Amino acid sequence: MDMIYTVGKRFRKQLVKFLSSLHLLEKFM
């Protein structure tokens, strides 16, 4: 259970980073 929570947190952090970079790309377009 704890491992799933850690993986989910890490995945969410990566997703936020990906979305923010995508937003930056959109701004530059």
PDB file of N, CA and C in Angstrom:
ATOM      1  N   MET A   1       0.842  -1.201   0.000  1.00  0.00           N
ATOM      2  CA  MET A   1       0.000   0.000   0.000  1.00  0.00           C
ATOM      3  C   MET A   1       0.878   1.254   0.000  1.00  0.00           C
ATOM      4  N   ASP A   2       1.891   1.259   0.869  1.00  0.00           N
ATOM      5  CA  ASP A   2       2.769   2.419   0.967  1.00  0.00           C
ATOM      6  C   ASP A   2       3.553   2.614  -0.327  1.00  0.00           C
ATOM      7  N   MET A   3       3.948   1.486  -0.929  1.00  0.00           N
ATOM      8  CA  MET A   3       4.716   1.559  -2.176  1.00  0.00           C
ATOM      9  C   MET A   3       3.870   2.169  -3.285  1.00  0.00           C
ATOM     10  N   ILE A   4       2.603   1.760  -3.347  1.00  0.00           N
ATOM     11  CA  ILE A   4       1.691   2.295  -4.371  1.00  0.00           C
ATOM     12  C   ILE A   4       1.542   3.803  -4.188  1.00  0.00           C
ATOM     13  N   TYR A   5       1.468   4.235  -2.940  1.00  0.00           N
ATOM     14  CA  TYR A   5       1.319   5.664  -2.648  1.00  0.00           C
ATOM     15  C   TYR A   5       2.549   6.424  -3.134  1.00  0.00           C
ATOM     16  N   THR A   6       3.733   5.879  -2.876  1.00  0.00           N
ATOM     17  CA  THR A   6       4.977   6.537  -3.298  1.00  0.00           C
ATOM     18  C   THR A   6       5.057   6.614  -4.815  1.00  0.00           C
ATOM     19  N   VAL A   7       4.732   5.514  -5.479  1.00  0.00           N
ATOM     20  CA  VAL A   7       4.769   5.490  -6.946  1.00  0.00           C
ATOM     21  C   VAL A   7       3.771   6.495  -7.512  1.00  0.00           C
ATOM     22  N   GLY A   8       2.586   6.570  -6.917  1.00  0.00           N
ATOM     23  CA  GLY A   8       1.563   7.502  -7.386  1.00  0.00           C
ATOM     24  C   GLY A   8       2.028   8.943  -7.231  1.00  0.00           C
ATOM     25  N   LYS A   9       2.692   9.226  -6.094  1.00  0.00           N
ATOM     26  CA  LYS A   9       3.175  10.585  -5.866  1.00  0.00           C
ATOM     27  C   LYS A   9       4.235  10.946  -6.891  1.00  0.00           C
ATOM     28  N   ARG A  10       5.148  10.007  -7.151  1.00  0.00           N
ATOM     29  CA  ARG A  10       6.220  10.260  -8.119  1.00  0.00           C
ATOM     30  C   ARG A  10       5.634  10.444  -9.521  1.00  0.00           C
ATOM     31  N   PHE A  11       4.645   9.616  -9.857  1.00  0.00           N
ATOM     32  CA  PHE A  11       4.007   9.695 -11.176  1.00  0.00           C
ATOM     33  C   PHE A  11       3.303  11.036 -11.346  1.00  0.00           C
ATOM     34  N   ARG A  12       2.636  11.468 -10.275  1.00  0.00           N
ATOM     35  CA  ARG A  12       1.925  12.743 -10.344  1.00  0.00           C
ATOM     36  C   ARG A  12       2.906  13.902 -10.523  1.00  0.00           C
ATOM     37  N   LYS A  13       4.069  13.798  -9.858  1.00  0.00           N
ATOM     38  CA  LYS A  13       5.073  14.848  -9.998  1.00  0.00           C
ATOM     39  C   LYS A  13       5.590  14.911 -11.428  1.00  0.00           C
ATOM     40  N   GLN A  14       5.816  13.737 -12.028  1.00  0.00           N
ATOM     41  CA  GLN A  14       6.285  13.684 -13.415  1.00  0.00           C
ATOM     42  C   GLN A  14       5.211  14.236 -14.348  1.00  0.00           C
ATOM     43  N   LEU A  15       3.953  13.930 -14.057  1.00  0.00           N
ATOM     44  CA  LEU A  15       2.853  14.395 -14.894  1.00  0.00           C
ATOM     45  C   LEU A  15       2.757  15.919 -14.841  1.00  0.00           C
ATOM     46  N   VAL A  16       2.910  16.486 -13.641  1.00  0.00           N
ATOM     47  CA  VAL A  16       2.861  17.943 -13.485  1.00  0.00           C
ATOM     48  C   VAL A  16       4.004  18.588 -14.259  1.00  0.00           C
ATOM     49  N   LYS A  17       5.205  17.958 -14.174  1.00  0.00           N
ATOM     50  CA  LYS A  17       6.362  18.497 -14.896  1.00  0.00           C
ATOM     51  C   LYS A  17       6.111  18.453 -16.397  1.00  0.00           C
ATOM     52  N   PHE A  18       5.530  17.356 -16.867  1.00  0.00           N
ATOM     53  CA  PHE A  18       5.242  17.194 -18.294  1.00  0.00           C
ATOM     54  C   PHE A  18       4.219  18.231 -18.755  1.00  0.00           C
ATOM     55  N   LEU A  19       3.166  18.422 -17.954  1.00  0.00           N
ATOM     56  CA  LEU A  19       2.123  19.384 -18.320  1.00  0.00           C
ATOM     57  C   LEU A  19       2.665  20.802 -18.330  1.00  0.00           C
ATOM     58  N   SER A  20       3.510  21.135 -17.363  1.00  0.00           N
ATOM     59  CA  SER A  20       4.065  22.493 -17.310  1.00  0.00           C
ATOM     60  C   SER A  20       4.983  22.738 -18.499  1.00  0.00           C
ATOM     61  N   SER A  21       5.774  21.735 -18.879  1.00  0.00           N
ATOM     62  CA  SER A  21       6.656  21.894 -20.040  1.00  0.00           C
ATOM     63  C   SER A  21       5.820  22.023 -21.305  1.00  0.00           C
ATOM     64  N   LEU A  22       4.721  21.285 -21.363  1.00  0.00           N
ATOM     65  CA  LEU A  22       3.823  21.366 -22.519  1.00  0.00           C
ATOM     66  C   LEU A  22       3.216  22.766 -22.602  1.00  0.00           C
ATOM     67  N   HIS A  23       2.870  23.323 -21.442  1.00  0.00           N
ATOM     68  CA  HIS A  23       2.301  24.667 -21.391  1.00  0.00           C
ATOM     69  C   HIS A  23       3.330  25.691 -21.883  1.00  0.00           C
ATOM     70  N   LEU A  24       4.592  25.508 -21.501  1.00  0.00           N
ATOM     71  CA  LEU A  24       5.647  26.418 -21.950  1.00  0.00           C
ATOM     72  C   LEU A  24       5.804  26.333 -23.460  1.00  0.00           C
ATOM     73  N   LEU A  25       5.755  25.123 -23.991  1.00  0.00           N
ATOM     74  CA  LEU A  25       5.864  24.941 -25.444  1.00  0.00           C
ATOM     75  C   LEU A  25       4.723  25.657 -26.149  1.00  0.00           C
ATOM     76  N   GLU A  26       3.516  25.544 -25.567  1.00  0.00           N
ATOM     77  CA  GLU A  26       2.342  26.180 -26.154  1.00  0.00           C
ATOM     78  C   GLU A  26       2.535  27.691 -26.195  1.00  0.00           C
ATOM     79  N   LYS A  27       3.135  28.244 -25.146  1.00  0.00           N
ATOM     80  CA  LYS A  27       3.333  29.686 -25.070  1.00  0.00           C
ATOM     81  C   LYS A  27       4.323  30.148 -26.140  1.00  0.00           C
ATOM     82  N   PHE A  28       5.316  29.310 -26.411  1.00  0.00           N
ATOM     83  CA  PHE A  28       6.336  29.688 -27.396  1.00  0.00           C
ATOM     84  C   PHE A  28       5.850  29.545 -28.828  1.00  0.00           C
ATOM     85  N   MET A  29       4.838  28.720 -29.035  1.00  0.00           N
ATOM     86  CA  MET A  29       4.326  28.507 -30.389  1.00  0.00           C
ATOM     87  C   MET A  29       3.721  29.781 -30.964  1.00  0.00           C
TER      88      MET A  29
END
